[in-house]
Amino acid sequence: MIDRRHLLRSAAAATAGLAASGFAPPALASAGLTYGAPTPFSFDALKERVRRMGKEAYTAPQPARPDVLHRLDYDQHGQIKFKTDLALWAEGPSPFPVTFFHLGRYFQKPVRMHVVDMGQAREILYEDHYFDMPATSPARELGKTTGFAGFRFQERRDGKLDWRNNDWVAFLGASYFRAIGENFQYGLSARGLAVNTVVHDVPEEFPDFTQVWFETPAQGGDTVTVYALMDGPSVAGAYRFMMRRDNKVVIDVDSFLMLRRDVTRLGIAPLTSMFWYSETAKPTMIDWRPEIHDSDGLAMWTGAGERIWRPLNNPPRSQVSAFSDATPRGFGLLQRDRSFDHYLDGVFYDRRPSLWIEPRGDWGRGTVQLVENPTDDEIHDNIVAMWVPSEPARAGQDLSYSYRTVWAAEEPDPTPLARCVATRLGNGGAPGTARPRGVRKFMLEFLGGPLKDLPVGLRPEPVLTASRGSFSYIRTEAVPNDVPGHWRVQFDLAAEGREPVELRCYLKGGSGAAGGPAVLSETWLYQYHPDR
């Protein structure tokens, strides 16, 4: 939330002062900000700069006064508010003003901000008077040359929401960014790049967006364009983000990368989320809320056209699952459970956005990789999903990837097949009998698609496979709730040992185009841990 206790400044007086210094602001940017001298800018020039950087040794940025920044903890940082009357484009031409984040304990690396107008870039120079802060804030000890930590776009000035109190996309920390969907709620995050995530004996790297450029749009234009320079020990990169806000948020990303050294696991279009527990397998009395997660599953649309749903786990140890594909059509981390009664929390997990990735061009062969780390609280992002190319990432390579990110309630091209809407686990065996040891019962629910049009008397057939173990008590039945096309699959699995079991299931029935049974549902995948 933005504190707006200060009155608007005199735009005319500020503009006159800047013009006298020789650094007039770009047209209609903001007369209350201070700008540097103009320099030429283009995306092609930024790529050339990245090519040069890729041949040079990496120099880590040095934060100013880390001793002071460390004192700006979560609470102290939250009390520092950018003055919205000084927002970039507070009066146009973009309908979406830009405000800035201050540095703090968790965001110590400064990001240089620029505004571009007619091919000329001027740096937005940090000054402490841009921010409201308590008189006792440690930030007052930092001086005028500290820098910004990140930025966000506020809602439309002429929209229904008060733009000063509401924003729709934010870039803050390393190369992280996030946006809201039609439910007006932040949740999971995206990153520009993932470098060596969960690689044995190799530390993960978090390359930074070190500089940002805001393209001045035409008057009233609904698309905002942002460029970013990435820098890290193993990689340099140039990014272009073309962002559009309607009911959902759509961000088109173009990236150009130069590798300084070999990367064991290079993650393209990485997504980061939180999954503590759900209805699938909740530990006894761990928390009063029924479920806690930003996302509940990984959805994939393969190059061959298969639609896949993989519910998330909070595993006993870190796990990396790889799903091979060629030229994927899309993947994403989704929040399918939208019932408030399943969370009962004022932080609105039921409204968290889903994030879908649509590759542009041919990404070739690779794997969608899902990283699941154990967590015992909701404050940790323990889930990562990303595309990892099959070709090794070698020093000296340049790579280009383009893709669309869609932040919405559901994936933008939902499957016409029945979707898996619930995964539940329990003790195996039958009620009223001695339950067998080492046997787990699974109950899956599928809804919609061709299941709504099944002929009377036709029961869908589950197609089940497991990496090991044996099945029993397999059956399907309509869920007795008078909802058309709502079916559940029940089966028991017996599996010994501690190693995970990979499970796969889909429904078939009726007559397909090739004469055999038709596929009725998306494919459900699950990693079961017998030792839980």
Protein backbone atom coordinates (compact mmCIF):
# COMPACT_ATOMS: atom_id res chain seq x y z
CA MET A 1 0.00 0.00 0.00
CA ILE A 2 1.27 3.46 -0.89
CA ASP A 3 1.24 6.31 1.63
CA ARG A 4 -0.06 9.47 -0.04
CA ARG A 5 0.24 12.03 2.78
CA HIS A 6 2.23 14.47 0.70
CA LEU A 7 0.72 17.06 -1.63
CA LEU A 8 1.50 17.18 -5.34
CA ARG A 9 4.63 19.07 -6.18
CA SER A 10 4.67 21.98 -8.59
CA ALA A 11 5.45 20.32 -11.95
CA ALA A 12 6.21 23.61 -13.65
CA ALA A 13 8.76 24.72 -11.06
CA ALA A 14 10.52 21.35 -11.03
CA THR A 15 10.68 21.22 -14.82
CA ALA A 16 12.17 24.70 -14.98
CA GLY A 17 14.87 23.73 -12.46
CA LEU A 18 15.82 20.59 -14.41
CA ALA A 19 15.89 22.44 -17.73
CA ALA A 20 18.23 25.01 -16.25
CA SER A 21 20.63 22.22 -15.30
CA GLY A 22 20.60 20.96 -18.90
CA PHE A 23 18.84 17.65 -18.13
CA ALA A 24 15.19 18.17 -19.03
CA PRO A 25 13.04 15.08 -18.32
CA PRO A 26 11.60 12.98 -21.14
CA ALA A 27 8.22 14.18 -22.32
CA LEU A 28 5.59 13.84 -19.60
CA ALA A 29 7.72 11.36 -17.59
CA SER A 30 7.69 13.02 -14.18
CA ALA A 31 8.78 16.52 -13.30
CA GLY A 32 9.48 15.53 -9.70
CA LEU A 33 12.29 13.09 -10.52
CA THR A 34 15.92 13.92 -11.25
CA TYR A 35 17.42 12.62 -14.52
CA GLY A 36 20.89 12.03 -15.85
CA ALA A 37 22.31 12.97 -19.24
CA PRO A 38 20.80 11.39 -22.39
CA THR A 39 22.50 8.40 -24.03
CA PRO A 40 21.38 6.36 -27.06
CA PHE A 41 19.48 3.15 -26.32
CA SER A 42 18.04 0.21 -28.27
CA PHE A 43 17.43 -3.48 -27.62
CA ASP A 44 19.97 -4.39 -30.31
CA ALA A 45 22.59 -2.23 -28.60
CA LEU A 46 21.77 -3.91 -25.28
CA LYS A 47 22.38 -7.32 -26.89
CA GLU A 48 25.74 -6.15 -28.20
CA ARG A 49 26.62 -5.00 -24.71
CA VAL A 50 25.73 -8.46 -23.39
CA ARG A 51 27.99 -10.08 -26.02
CA ARG A 52 30.89 -8.01 -24.72
CA MET A 53 30.03 -8.75 -21.10
CA GLY A 54 29.96 -12.48 -21.79
CA LYS A 55 33.66 -12.33 -22.68
CA GLU A 56 34.58 -10.41 -19.55
CA ALA A 57 35.01 -11.58 -15.97
CA TYR A 58 32.05 -11.04 -13.67
CA THR A 59 32.31 -8.30 -11.08
CA ALA A 60 29.88 -8.62 -8.20
CA PRO A 61 28.03 -5.41 -7.28
CA GLN A 62 28.94 -3.91 -3.94
CA PRO A 63 25.99 -2.58 -1.93
CA ALA A 64 26.45 0.76 -0.25
CA ARG A 65 26.55 0.54 3.54
CA PRO A 66 25.55 -3.14 4.04
CA ASP A 67 25.72 -2.51 7.80
CA VAL A 68 22.88 0.00 7.50
CA LEU A 69 20.89 -2.06 4.99
CA HIS A 70 20.98 -5.06 7.32
CA ARG A 71 19.08 -3.00 9.90
CA LEU A 72 16.27 -2.44 7.35
CA ASP A 73 14.49 -5.70 8.18
CA TYR A 74 11.05 -6.68 6.93
CA ASP A 75 9.17 -4.31 9.24
CA GLN A 76 11.55 -1.38 8.78
CA HIS A 77 11.56 -1.82 5.02
CA GLY A 78 7.77 -1.91 4.93
CA GLN A 79 7.61 1.53 6.52
CA ILE A 80 9.46 3.14 3.59
CA LYS A 81 6.94 4.28 0.97
CA PHE A 82 7.58 5.81 -2.43
CA LYS A 83 5.69 9.08 -2.89
CA THR A 84 3.15 8.35 -5.59
CA ASP A 85 2.94 11.98 -6.67
CA LEU A 86 6.51 11.46 -7.95
CA ALA A 87 5.67 8.31 -9.90
CA LEU A 88 7.08 7.97 -13.40
CA TRP A 89 4.21 8.81 -15.82
CA ALA A 90 1.96 9.96 -13.00
CA GLU A 91 0.42 12.31 -15.59
CA GLY A 92 0.96 10.18 -18.71
CA PRO A 93 1.58 9.26 -21.45
CA SER A 94 1.31 5.69 -20.11
CA PRO A 95 -1.91 4.99 -18.22
CA PHE A 96 0.16 2.93 -15.76
CA PRO A 97 2.45 4.96 -13.45
CA VAL A 98 5.69 3.43 -12.15
CA THR A 99 6.78 3.53 -8.51
CA PHE A 100 9.99 2.25 -6.93
CA PHE A 101 11.15 0.05 -4.05
CA HIS A 102 13.82 1.11 -1.58
CA LEU A 103 16.86 -1.01 -0.73
CA GLY A 104 16.79 -3.08 2.46
CA ARG A 105 18.16 -6.15 4.23
CA TYR A 106 16.75 -8.58 1.66
CA PHE A 107 17.29 -6.33 -1.38
CA GLN A 108 20.77 -4.86 -1.03
CA LYS A 109 21.89 -4.65 -4.67
CA PRO A 110 20.96 -1.36 -6.36
CA VAL A 111 19.22 -1.43 -9.74
CA ARG A 112 19.80 1.53 -12.05
CA MET A 113 16.54 2.80 -13.58
CA HIS A 114 16.19 4.69 -16.88
CA VAL A 115 13.41 6.14 -18.99
CA VAL A 116 13.69 5.97 -22.79
CA ASP A 117 12.12 8.49 -25.12
CA MET A 118 12.73 8.60 -28.88
CA GLY A 119 15.80 6.37 -28.62
CA GLN A 120 17.44 8.39 -25.83
CA ALA A 121 17.77 7.00 -22.30
CA ARG A 122 18.11 9.10 -19.15
CA GLU A 123 18.86 7.54 -15.81
CA ILE A 124 16.41 8.24 -13.01
CA LEU A 125 18.76 9.36 -10.26
CA TYR A 126 17.96 8.19 -6.74
CA GLU A 127 17.24 10.80 -4.10
CA ASP A 128 16.08 10.01 -0.60
CA HIS A 129 13.29 12.61 -0.68
CA TYR A 130 11.41 10.37 -3.17
CA PHE A 131 10.43 8.22 -0.17
CA ASP A 132 8.41 8.75 2.97
CA MET A 133 10.20 7.11 5.89
CA PRO A 134 10.05 7.38 9.68
CA ALA A 135 12.37 9.89 11.29
CA THR A 136 14.17 7.01 13.02
CA SER A 137 14.57 4.86 9.89
CA PRO A 138 18.13 3.59 9.28
CA ALA A 139 17.55 4.47 5.61
CA ARG A 140 18.17 8.11 6.49
CA GLU A 141 21.81 7.24 7.08
CA LEU A 142 22.33 6.07 3.49
CA GLY A 143 22.56 9.45 1.78
CA LYS A 144 21.35 10.45 -1.67
CA THR A 145 23.24 8.00 -3.87
CA THR A 146 21.92 4.69 -2.58
CA GLY A 147 19.80 3.47 -5.50
CA PHE A 148 16.55 1.59 -6.05
CA ALA A 149 15.81 -2.07 -5.29
CA GLY A 150 13.03 -2.59 -7.86
CA PHE A 151 9.86 -1.18 -9.35
CA ARG A 152 6.19 -1.81 -9.91
CA PHE A 153 3.48 -0.67 -12.27
CA GLN A 154 0.42 0.83 -10.63
CA GLU A 155 -3.10 0.18 -11.86
CA ARG A 156 -4.62 2.32 -14.62
CA ARG A 157 -5.01 5.96 -13.65
CA ASP A 158 -8.46 6.19 -15.24
CA GLY A 159 -9.65 2.77 -14.02
CA LYS A 160 -12.02 1.68 -11.28
CA LEU A 161 -9.23 1.13 -8.74
CA ASP A 162 -7.27 3.86 -6.99
CA TRP A 163 -3.95 3.53 -8.81
CA ARG A 164 -2.05 4.97 -5.86
CA ASN A 165 -3.10 2.02 -3.68
CA ASN A 166 -2.99 -0.80 -6.22
CA ASP A 167 -0.31 -2.27 -8.48
CA TRP A 168 -0.37 -5.17 -10.95
CA VAL A 169 3.23 -6.20 -11.64
CA ALA A 170 6.42 -5.92 -9.57
CA PHE A 171 10.12 -6.62 -10.18
CA LEU A 172 12.09 -7.01 -6.95
CA GLY A 173 15.13 -9.09 -5.96
CA ALA A 174 17.63 -10.81 -8.33
CA SER A 175 15.61 -11.43 -11.53
CA TYR A 176 12.28 -12.12 -9.81
CA PHE A 177 9.01 -10.63 -11.01
CA ARG A 178 5.36 -11.35 -10.33
CA ALA A 179 1.93 -10.18 -11.40
CA ILE A 180 -1.70 -10.50 -10.42
CA GLY A 181 -4.57 -12.02 -12.36
CA GLU A 182 -8.29 -11.36 -12.51
CA ASN A 183 -8.56 -12.14 -8.78
CA PHE A 184 -6.36 -9.12 -7.86
CA GLN A 185 -3.96 -11.16 -5.75
CA TYR A 186 -0.21 -11.75 -5.88
CA GLY A 187 1.12 -15.26 -5.39
CA LEU A 188 3.86 -17.19 -7.16
CA SER A 189 6.81 -15.55 -8.93
CA ALA A 190 8.72 -15.87 -12.19
CA ARG A 191 12.45 -15.39 -12.74
CA GLY A 192 14.47 -14.28 -15.69
CA LEU A 193 16.68 -17.37 -15.42
CA ALA A 194 17.52 -20.26 -13.08
CA VAL A 195 21.17 -21.31 -12.82
CA ASN A 196 22.16 -24.63 -11.21
CA THR A 197 19.01 -25.13 -9.16
CA VAL A 198 19.47 -28.21 -6.91
CA VAL A 199 22.76 -29.41 -8.40
CA HIS A 200 24.91 -31.60 -6.15
CA ASP A 201 28.06 -29.83 -4.91
CA VAL A 202 27.33 -26.78 -7.10
CA PRO A 203 25.80 -23.68 -5.45
CA GLU A 204 22.76 -22.15 -7.12
CA GLU A 205 23.31 -18.75 -8.70
CA PHE A 206 20.81 -15.91 -8.74
CA PRO A 207 21.82 -13.50 -11.54
CA ASP A 208 20.53 -9.98 -11.08
CA PHE A 209 18.69 -7.47 -13.20
CA THR A 210 21.22 -4.69 -12.64
CA GLN A 211 19.75 -2.04 -14.97
CA VAL A 212 16.22 -1.36 -16.23
CA TRP A 213 14.86 0.85 -19.03
CA PHE A 214 11.22 1.99 -19.32
CA GLU A 215 10.12 2.70 -22.89
CA THR A 216 7.94 5.80 -23.12
CA PRO A 217 4.74 4.66 -24.87
CA ALA A 218 2.47 6.56 -27.21
CA GLN A 219 -0.22 8.56 -25.45
CA GLY A 220 -2.84 6.16 -24.04
CA GLY A 221 -1.06 2.98 -25.18
CA ASP A 222 -2.11 -0.09 -23.17
CA THR A 223 1.19 -2.00 -23.51
CA VAL A 224 4.22 -1.12 -21.40
CA THR A 225 7.70 -2.20 -22.48
CA VAL A 226 10.60 -2.70 -20.10
CA TYR A 227 14.18 -3.75 -20.89
CA ALA A 228 16.56 -5.27 -18.37
CA LEU A 229 20.25 -6.09 -18.22
CA MET A 230 21.09 -9.33 -16.39
CA ASP A 231 24.47 -10.03 -14.85
CA GLY A 232 25.78 -13.00 -12.88
CA PRO A 233 28.87 -15.18 -12.43
CA SER A 234 27.89 -17.60 -15.22
CA VAL A 235 25.73 -15.51 -17.52
CA ALA A 236 24.92 -12.08 -18.89
CA GLY A 237 21.57 -11.36 -20.52
CA ALA A 238 19.36 -8.82 -22.28
CA TYR A 239 15.60 -8.99 -21.69
CA ARG A 240 12.57 -7.27 -23.15
CA PHE A 241 9.23 -7.45 -21.32
CA MET A 242 6.09 -6.32 -23.17
CA MET A 243 3.32 -6.22 -20.57
CA ARG A 244 -0.43 -5.87 -20.96
CA ARG A 245 -3.03 -5.52 -18.20
CA ASP A 246 -6.68 -6.44 -18.77
CA ASN A 247 -8.63 -8.98 -16.70
CA LYS A 248 -5.40 -10.96 -16.53
CA VAL A 249 -1.76 -9.98 -17.02
CA VAL A 250 0.15 -11.03 -20.15
CA ILE A 251 3.92 -10.52 -20.35
CA ASP A 252 5.79 -11.36 -23.55
CA VAL A 253 9.46 -12.04 -22.86
CA ASP A 254 12.37 -11.93 -25.30
CA SER A 255 15.74 -12.96 -23.86
CA PHE A 256 19.30 -13.06 -25.19
CA LEU A 257 21.93 -14.85 -23.08
CA MET A 258 25.72 -15.12 -23.16
CA LEU A 259 27.27 -17.85 -21.01
CA ARG A 260 30.51 -16.98 -19.22
CA ARG A 261 31.01 -20.55 -18.07
CA ASP A 262 29.39 -23.99 -18.22
CA VAL A 263 26.03 -24.34 -16.48
CA THR A 264 24.95 -27.78 -15.26
CA ARG A 265 21.23 -26.99 -15.12
CA LEU A 266 20.06 -23.95 -17.09
CA GLY A 267 16.42 -23.18 -16.34
CA ILE A 268 14.48 -21.23 -18.97
CA ALA A 269 11.26 -19.41 -17.96
CA PRO A 270 11.52 -20.57 -14.33
CA LEU A 271 8.53 -20.32 -11.99
CA THR A 272 8.82 -20.27 -8.20
CA SER A 273 5.96 -21.09 -5.83
CA MET A 274 5.02 -22.41 -2.38
CA PHE A 275 3.35 -25.70 -1.51
CA TRP A 276 3.13 -26.70 2.14
CA TYR A 277 0.19 -29.12 2.19
CA SER A 278 -3.20 -29.78 0.61
CA GLU A 279 -6.12 -32.18 0.90
CA THR A 280 -3.95 -34.85 -0.73
CA ALA A 281 -1.86 -35.69 2.33
CA LYS A 282 -2.07 -33.35 5.32
CA PRO A 283 -0.06 -34.22 8.47
CA THR A 284 -2.17 -34.40 11.62
CA MET A 285 -2.70 -31.07 13.42
CA ILE A 286 0.16 -29.30 11.63
CA ASP A 287 -1.97 -26.16 11.23
CA TRP A 288 -5.60 -25.17 11.72
CA ARG A 289 -6.15 -24.33 8.04
CA PRO A 290 -7.25 -27.15 5.69
CA GLU A 291 -4.76 -26.26 2.92
CA ILE A 292 -1.85 -23.86 2.42
CA HIS A 293 -0.31 -23.39 -1.02
CA ASP A 294 0.18 -20.78 -3.76
CA SER A 295 -0.04 -23.50 -6.43
CA ASP A 296 -1.36 -27.05 -6.28
CA GLY A 297 -0.07 -28.60 -9.50
CA LEU A 298 2.12 -28.51 -12.59
CA ALA A 299 0.21 -28.55 -15.88
CA MET A 300 1.87 -29.44 -19.18
CA TRP A 301 0.78 -29.43 -22.82
CA THR A 302 3.36 -31.46 -24.69
CA GLY A 303 4.55 -31.04 -28.24
CA ALA A 304 2.69 -34.27 -29.07
CA GLY A 305 -0.55 -32.78 -27.73
CA GLU A 306 -0.88 -34.68 -24.43
CA ARG A 307 -2.36 -32.72 -21.52
CA ILE A 308 -0.78 -33.61 -18.17
CA TRP A 309 -1.57 -32.71 -14.56
CA ARG A 310 0.99 -33.38 -11.82
CA PRO A 311 -0.18 -32.51 -8.26
CA LEU A 312 2.56 -30.96 -6.13
CA ASN A 313 4.25 -32.61 -3.16
CA ASN A 314 5.99 -31.46 0.00
CA PRO A 315 8.50 -34.32 -0.13
CA PRO A 316 10.64 -35.74 2.69
CA ARG A 317 13.77 -34.69 0.76
CA SER A 318 14.53 -32.59 -2.31
CA GLN A 319 13.26 -34.13 -5.53
CA VAL A 320 13.77 -33.21 -9.18
CA SER A 321 11.33 -34.69 -11.71
CA ALA A 322 12.04 -34.33 -15.44
CA PHE A 323 9.37 -34.68 -18.13
CA SER A 324 10.90 -35.12 -21.58
CA ASP A 325 9.40 -33.22 -24.48
CA ALA A 326 10.15 -31.62 -27.83
CA THR A 327 8.77 -28.22 -28.85
CA PRO A 328 6.45 -27.93 -25.84
CA ARG A 329 3.19 -26.05 -26.31
CA GLY A 330 3.05 -24.84 -22.72
CA PHE A 331 3.53 -25.52 -19.03
CA GLY A 332 2.74 -23.78 -15.80
CA LEU A 333 2.10 -23.87 -12.08
CA LEU A 334 -1.63 -23.60 -11.43
CA GLN A 335 -3.91 -23.00 -8.49
CA ARG A 336 -6.96 -25.11 -9.39
CA ASP A 337 -8.66 -25.22 -6.01
CA ARG A 338 -10.60 -21.94 -5.82
CA SER A 339 -12.84 -22.63 -2.81
CA PHE A 340 -12.28 -20.25 0.09
CA ASP A 341 -13.63 -22.91 2.48
CA HIS A 342 -10.63 -25.09 1.59
CA TYR A 343 -8.22 -22.47 3.00
CA LEU A 344 -10.16 -20.32 5.51
CA ASP A 345 -7.39 -17.73 5.46
CA GLY A 346 -7.48 -13.96 5.10
CA VAL A 347 -4.41 -13.99 2.84
CA PHE A 348 -6.64 -15.45 0.09
CA TYR A 349 -4.84 -18.52 -1.17
CA ASP A 350 -7.99 -19.24 -3.18
CA ARG A 351 -7.30 -16.12 -5.27
CA ARG A 352 -3.62 -16.76 -6.05
CA PRO A 353 -2.90 -16.55 -9.79
CA SER A 354 -1.89 -19.43 -11.99
CA LEU A 355 1.10 -18.83 -14.27
CA TRP A 356 1.26 -20.36 -17.74
CA ILE A 357 4.27 -20.33 -20.09
CA GLU A 358 3.73 -20.36 -23.87
CA PRO A 359 7.01 -20.90 -25.78
CA ARG A 360 7.53 -18.83 -28.92
CA GLY A 361 9.44 -20.52 -31.73
CA ASP A 362 10.97 -23.99 -31.61
CA TRP A 363 12.55 -24.71 -28.23
CA GLY A 364 13.79 -28.08 -29.48
CA ARG A 365 14.25 -31.05 -27.16
CA GLY A 366 14.48 -30.80 -23.41
CA THR A 367 12.61 -31.42 -20.20
CA VAL A 368 10.09 -29.59 -18.08
CA GLN A 369 11.73 -29.99 -14.69
CA LEU A 370 9.89 -29.79 -11.38
CA VAL A 371 11.90 -29.16 -8.22
CA GLU A 372 10.14 -29.93 -4.95
CA ASN A 373 11.89 -29.10 -1.68
CA PRO A 374 10.63 -29.97 1.81
CA THR A 375 9.20 -27.13 3.88
CA ASP A 376 7.60 -26.79 7.30
CA ASP A 377 6.09 -23.34 6.84
CA GLU A 378 4.35 -21.16 4.27
CA ILE A 379 7.10 -18.51 4.23
CA HIS A 380 9.39 -20.58 1.99
CA ASP A 381 9.16 -20.86 -1.79
CA ASN A 382 9.94 -24.56 -2.15
CA ILE A 383 8.70 -25.27 -5.70
CA VAL A 384 10.42 -24.51 -9.02
CA ALA A 385 9.24 -25.41 -12.53
CA MET A 386 11.32 -24.61 -15.63
CA TRP A 387 12.37 -25.72 -19.10
CA VAL A 388 15.86 -27.26 -19.30
CA PRO A 389 17.25 -27.73 -22.84
CA SER A 390 18.77 -31.11 -23.73
CA GLU A 391 21.87 -29.50 -25.25
CA PRO A 392 24.58 -28.77 -22.65
CA ALA A 393 24.96 -25.11 -21.68
CA ARG A 394 28.60 -24.32 -22.47
CA ALA A 395 30.76 -21.26 -21.88
CA GLY A 396 30.84 -18.95 -24.90
CA GLN A 397 27.36 -19.89 -26.15
CA ASP A 398 24.73 -17.32 -26.95
CA LEU A 399 21.11 -18.39 -26.55
CA SER A 400 17.80 -16.72 -27.40
CA TYR A 401 14.40 -17.64 -25.98
CA SER A 402 11.03 -15.97 -26.41
CA TYR A 403 7.86 -16.87 -24.56
CA ARG A 404 4.61 -15.52 -23.17
CA THR A 405 3.67 -15.57 -19.50
CA VAL A 406 -0.03 -15.49 -18.67
CA TRP A 407 -1.06 -14.66 -15.11
CA ALA A 408 -4.68 -15.70 -14.71
CA ALA A 409 -7.05 -17.96 -12.78
CA GLU A 410 -6.55 -20.84 -15.26
CA GLU A 411 -4.35 -21.76 -18.20
CA PRO A 412 -5.27 -19.69 -21.29
CA ASP A 413 -6.01 -22.75 -23.51
CA PRO A 414 -7.71 -25.21 -21.15
CA THR A 415 -7.94 -28.83 -22.20
CA PRO A 416 -11.20 -30.03 -23.80
CA LEU A 417 -10.73 -33.26 -21.82
CA ALA A 418 -11.86 -33.90 -18.26
CA ARG A 419 -9.54 -32.32 -15.71
CA CYS A 420 -8.26 -33.85 -12.49
CA VAL A 421 -9.73 -31.70 -9.70
CA ALA A 422 -8.73 -33.69 -6.59
CA THR A 423 -6.12 -36.20 -5.42
CA ARG A 424 -6.65 -37.83 -2.04
CA LEU A 425 -4.72 -40.53 -0.17
CA GLY A 426 -5.80 -42.84 2.63
CA ASN A 427 -5.25 -46.28 4.13
CA GLY A 428 -5.66 -49.17 1.71
CA GLY A 429 -8.07 -52.06 2.05
CA ALA A 430 -11.81 -52.11 2.70
CA PRO A 431 -13.78 -50.64 5.63
CA GLY A 432 -14.57 -53.12 8.34
CA THR A 433 -11.54 -55.29 7.61
CA ALA A 434 -7.97 -55.35 8.85
CA ARG A 435 -6.14 -52.75 6.76
CA PRO A 436 -3.02 -54.20 5.09
CA ARG A 437 0.34 -52.69 6.00
CA GLY A 438 2.23 -50.88 3.24
CA VAL A 439 -0.89 -50.35 1.10
CA ARG A 440 -2.13 -46.88 0.20
CA LYS A 441 -5.53 -45.98 -1.23
CA PHE A 442 -5.78 -43.29 -3.93
CA MET A 443 -8.96 -41.41 -4.84
CA LEU A 444 -8.83 -39.19 -7.94
CA GLU A 445 -11.62 -36.92 -9.17
CA PHE A 446 -12.09 -35.96 -12.82
CA LEU A 447 -14.57 -33.36 -13.99
CA GLY A 448 -16.01 -32.09 -17.27
CA GLY A 449 -15.04 -32.60 -20.88
CA PRO A 450 -16.32 -35.80 -22.54
CA LEU A 451 -17.41 -37.16 -19.14
CA LYS A 452 -20.43 -34.85 -19.31
CA ASP A 453 -21.65 -36.60 -22.47
CA LEU A 454 -21.12 -40.24 -21.55
CA PRO A 455 -24.04 -42.47 -22.63
CA VAL A 456 -26.15 -43.79 -19.78
CA GLY A 457 -24.65 -46.98 -18.41
CA LEU A 458 -21.16 -46.35 -19.79
CA ARG A 459 -18.50 -46.30 -17.09
CA PRO A 460 -15.11 -44.73 -17.89
CA GLU A 461 -12.15 -47.08 -17.63
CA PRO A 462 -8.96 -46.04 -15.80
CA VAL A 463 -5.62 -46.73 -17.46
CA LEU A 464 -3.09 -47.14 -14.63
CA THR A 465 0.68 -47.64 -14.58
CA ALA A 466 3.29 -47.51 -11.81
CA SER A 467 7.08 -47.53 -11.81
CA ARG A 468 6.87 -50.33 -9.24
CA GLY A 469 4.33 -51.97 -6.92
CA SER A 470 0.96 -53.60 -7.60
CA PHE A 471 -2.65 -52.35 -7.90
CA SER A 472 -5.86 -53.68 -6.37
CA TYR A 473 -9.43 -52.49 -5.65
CA ILE A 474 -9.58 -50.57 -8.95
CA ARG A 475 -12.97 -49.00 -9.66
CA THR A 476 -14.67 -45.89 -11.05
CA GLU A 477 -17.93 -44.31 -9.99
CA ALA A 478 -19.87 -41.11 -10.52
CA VAL A 479 -19.49 -38.69 -7.63
CA PRO A 480 -22.95 -38.57 -5.97
CA ASN A 481 -23.36 -34.80 -6.07
CA ASP A 482 -25.58 -34.29 -9.16
CA VAL A 483 -22.76 -32.52 -11.02
CA PRO A 484 -22.69 -33.77 -14.64
CA GLY A 485 -19.40 -35.32 -15.71
CA HIS A 486 -17.95 -35.69 -12.20
CA TRP A 487 -16.30 -39.11 -11.73
CA ARG A 488 -13.78 -40.57 -9.36
CA VAL A 489 -11.21 -43.32 -9.68
CA GLN A 490 -10.25 -45.47 -6.71
CA PHE A 491 -7.32 -47.88 -6.43
CA ASP A 492 -4.96 -49.37 -3.88
CA LEU A 493 -1.19 -49.44 -4.36
CA ALA A 494 1.18 -51.81 -2.55
CA ALA A 495 4.83 -50.75 -2.74
CA GLU A 496 7.75 -51.66 -0.50
CA GLY A 497 10.84 -49.60 0.24
CA ARG A 498 11.51 -45.88 0.53
CA GLU A 499 12.11 -44.93 -3.11
CA PRO A 500 9.37 -42.83 -4.76
CA VAL A 501 6.79 -44.49 -6.99
CA GLU A 502 5.84 -42.73 -10.24
CA LEU A 503 2.13 -43.16 -10.98
CA ARG A 504 0.16 -42.44 -14.13
CA CYS A 505 -3.60 -42.55 -14.82
CA TYR A 506 -6.11 -41.37 -17.41
CA LEU A 507 -9.69 -42.29 -18.32
CA LYS A 508 -10.84 -43.84 -21.58
CA GLY A 509 -14.16 -45.10 -22.91
CA GLY A 510 -16.62 -44.97 -25.78
CA SER A 511 -15.31 -44.91 -29.32
CA GLY A 512 -12.40 -42.82 -30.55
CA ALA A 513 -11.54 -41.57 -34.03
CA ALA A 514 -9.24 -44.56 -34.65
CA GLY A 515 -11.92 -47.07 -33.66
CA GLY A 516 -10.60 -47.81 -30.17
CA PRO A 517 -11.70 -46.28 -26.86
CA ALA A 518 -11.52 -42.50 -26.74
CA VAL A 519 -9.29 -40.63 -24.29
CA LEU A 520 -11.64 -38.88 -21.88
CA SER A 521 -9.31 -37.08 -19.48
CA GLU A 522 -5.97 -35.41 -19.12
CA THR A 523 -3.15 -37.59 -17.81
CA TRP A 524 -2.65 -37.57 -14.04
CA LEU A 525 0.93 -38.06 -12.83
CA TYR A 526 1.96 -38.38 -9.21
CA GLN A 527 5.11 -39.09 -7.23
CA TYR A 528 4.21 -41.19 -4.19
CA HIS A 529 6.61 -41.46 -1.26
CA PRO A 530 5.91 -44.71 0.64
CA ASP A 531 7.93 -43.54 3.66
CA ARG A 532 5.60 -40.61 4.40
